[in-house]
Amino acid sequence: MSDRWIRRLSLLLCATSGIFSVLGNLHFLFDSKVANQLAVWLIYDPS
């Protein structure tokens, strides 16, 4: 394996890990928003 391929693979790994971390953060934010909304609905039940 040449150095160029190793560099390319490491760049790809860095990029994918960065994308996954961003997706994870978005997922976490979305989940917490949904959880907050559910809590509000449960606490302030209009019915």
N, C-alpha and C. Protein backbone atom coordinates (compact mmCIF):
# COMPACT_ATOMS: atom_id res chain seq x y z
N MET A 1 0.85 -1.20 0.00
CA MET A 1 0.00 0.00 0.00
C MET A 1 0.88 1.25 0.00
N SER A 2 0.59 2.17 -0.88
CA SER A 2 1.41 3.38 -0.98
C SER A 2 0.97 4.42 0.04
N ASP A 3 1.85 5.41 0.26
CA ASP A 3 1.54 6.46 1.24
C ASP A 3 0.28 7.24 0.85
N ARG A 4 0.12 7.41 -0.47
CA ARG A 4 -1.03 8.20 -0.93
C ARG A 4 -2.34 7.52 -0.54
N TRP A 5 -2.39 6.19 -0.66
CA TRP A 5 -3.60 5.47 -0.28
C TRP A 5 -3.86 5.56 1.21
N ILE A 6 -2.79 5.44 1.99
CA ILE A 6 -2.93 5.53 3.45
C ILE A 6 -3.47 6.91 3.83
N ARG A 7 -2.93 7.95 3.19
CA ARG A 7 -3.40 9.31 3.47
C ARG A 7 -4.87 9.45 3.10
N ARG A 8 -5.23 8.88 1.95
CA ARG A 8 -6.61 8.97 1.48
C ARG A 8 -7.56 8.27 2.45
N LEU A 9 -7.14 7.08 2.91
CA LEU A 9 -7.97 6.33 3.85
C LEU A 9 -8.13 7.08 5.16
N SER A 10 -7.05 7.67 5.65
CA SER A 10 -7.14 8.39 6.93
C SER A 10 -8.04 9.61 6.78
N LEU A 11 -7.95 10.30 5.63
CA LEU A 11 -8.84 11.44 5.39
C LEU A 11 -10.29 10.99 5.36
N LEU A 12 -10.54 9.86 4.70
CA LEU A 12 -11.89 9.33 4.60
C LEU A 12 -12.42 8.99 5.99
N LEU A 13 -11.57 8.37 6.81
CA LEU A 13 -11.97 8.02 8.17
C LEU A 13 -12.30 9.27 8.97
N CYS A 14 -11.45 10.29 8.85
CA CYS A 14 -11.70 11.54 9.58
C CYS A 14 -13.02 12.15 9.14
N ALA A 15 -13.26 12.18 7.84
CA ALA A 15 -14.48 12.78 7.31
C ALA A 15 -15.71 12.03 7.81
N THR A 16 -15.66 10.69 7.73
CA THR A 16 -16.84 9.92 8.15
C THR A 16 -17.08 10.06 9.64
N SER A 17 -16.02 10.07 10.44
CA SER A 17 -16.22 10.22 11.89
C SER A 17 -16.79 11.59 12.20
N GLY A 18 -16.34 12.62 11.48
CA GLY A 18 -16.88 13.96 11.68
C GLY A 18 -18.35 14.03 11.33
N ILE A 19 -18.71 13.42 10.20
CA ILE A 19 -20.11 13.41 9.77
C ILE A 19 -20.97 12.68 10.79
N PHE A 20 -20.45 11.53 11.28
CA PHE A 20 -21.23 10.76 12.25
C PHE A 20 -21.41 11.53 13.55
N SER A 21 -20.38 12.25 13.96
CA SER A 21 -20.50 13.02 15.21
C SER A 21 -21.54 14.13 15.04
N VAL A 22 -21.55 14.78 13.87
CA VAL A 22 -22.54 15.84 13.61
C VAL A 22 -23.95 15.24 13.61
N LEU A 23 -24.10 14.09 12.93
CA LEU A 23 -25.40 13.43 12.89
C LEU A 23 -25.85 13.04 14.29
N GLY A 24 -24.90 12.54 15.09
CA GLY A 24 -25.22 12.15 16.46
C GLY A 24 -25.70 13.34 17.26
N ASN A 25 -25.03 14.49 17.08
CA ASN A 25 -25.43 15.69 17.81
C ASN A 25 -26.82 16.15 17.39
N LEU A 26 -27.10 16.11 16.08
CA LEU A 26 -28.42 16.50 15.59
C LEU A 26 -29.48 15.56 16.15
N HIS A 27 -29.16 14.25 16.14
CA HIS A 27 -30.08 13.24 16.65
C HIS A 27 -30.37 13.52 18.13
N PHE A 28 -29.32 13.83 18.88
CA PHE A 28 -29.48 14.10 20.32
C PHE A 28 -30.34 15.34 20.54
N LEU A 29 -30.09 16.40 19.76
CA LEU A 29 -30.87 17.63 19.89
C LEU A 29 -32.34 17.36 19.57
N PHE A 30 -32.57 16.63 18.48
CA PHE A 30 -33.94 16.32 18.08
C PHE A 30 -34.63 15.50 19.17
N ASP A 31 -33.92 14.48 19.70
CA ASP A 31 -34.50 13.64 20.75
C ASP A 31 -34.85 14.46 21.98
N SER A 32 -33.97 15.35 22.37
CA SER A 32 -34.24 16.14 23.58
C SER A 32 -35.43 17.08 23.34
N LYS A 33 -35.54 17.61 22.11
CA LYS A 33 -36.68 18.47 21.79
C LYS A 33 -37.98 17.69 21.90
N VAL A 34 -37.98 16.48 21.32
CA VAL A 34 -39.18 15.64 21.37
C VAL A 34 -39.51 15.28 22.80
N ALA A 35 -38.49 14.95 23.59
CA ALA A 35 -38.71 14.60 25.00
C ALA A 35 -39.29 15.78 25.76
N ASN A 36 -38.78 16.97 25.50
CA ASN A 36 -39.31 18.18 26.16
C ASN A 36 -40.77 18.40 25.78
N GLN A 37 -41.07 18.22 24.48
CA GLN A 37 -42.44 18.41 24.01
C GLN A 37 -43.38 17.43 24.69
N LEU A 38 -42.95 16.17 24.78
CA LEU A 38 -43.78 15.15 25.43
C LEU A 38 -43.99 15.49 26.90
N ALA A 39 -42.93 15.95 27.56
CA ALA A 39 -43.04 16.31 28.98
C ALA A 39 -44.04 17.45 29.15
N VAL A 40 -43.97 18.45 28.26
CA VAL A 40 -44.90 19.59 28.34
C VAL A 40 -46.33 19.09 28.15
N TRP A 41 -46.53 18.20 27.16
CA TRP A 41 -47.87 17.68 26.92
C TRP A 41 -48.39 16.90 28.12
N LEU A 42 -47.50 16.11 28.74
CA LEU A 42 -47.92 15.29 29.88
C LEU A 42 -48.23 16.15 31.10
N ILE A 43 -47.41 17.19 31.30
CA ILE A 43 -47.58 18.04 32.49
C ILE A 43 -48.80 18.95 32.31
N TYR A 44 -48.86 19.64 31.16
CA TYR A 44 -49.98 20.56 30.91
C TYR A 44 -50.99 19.85 30.01
N ASP A 45 -51.69 18.89 30.56
CA ASP A 45 -52.65 18.13 29.76
C ASP A 45 -53.91 18.97 29.56
N PRO A 46 -54.23 19.35 28.33
CA PRO A 46 -55.36 20.24 28.09
C PRO A 46 -56.71 19.57 28.35
N SER A 47 -56.79 18.25 28.24
CA SER A 47 -58.09 17.58 28.36
C SER A 47 -58.63 17.65 29.78
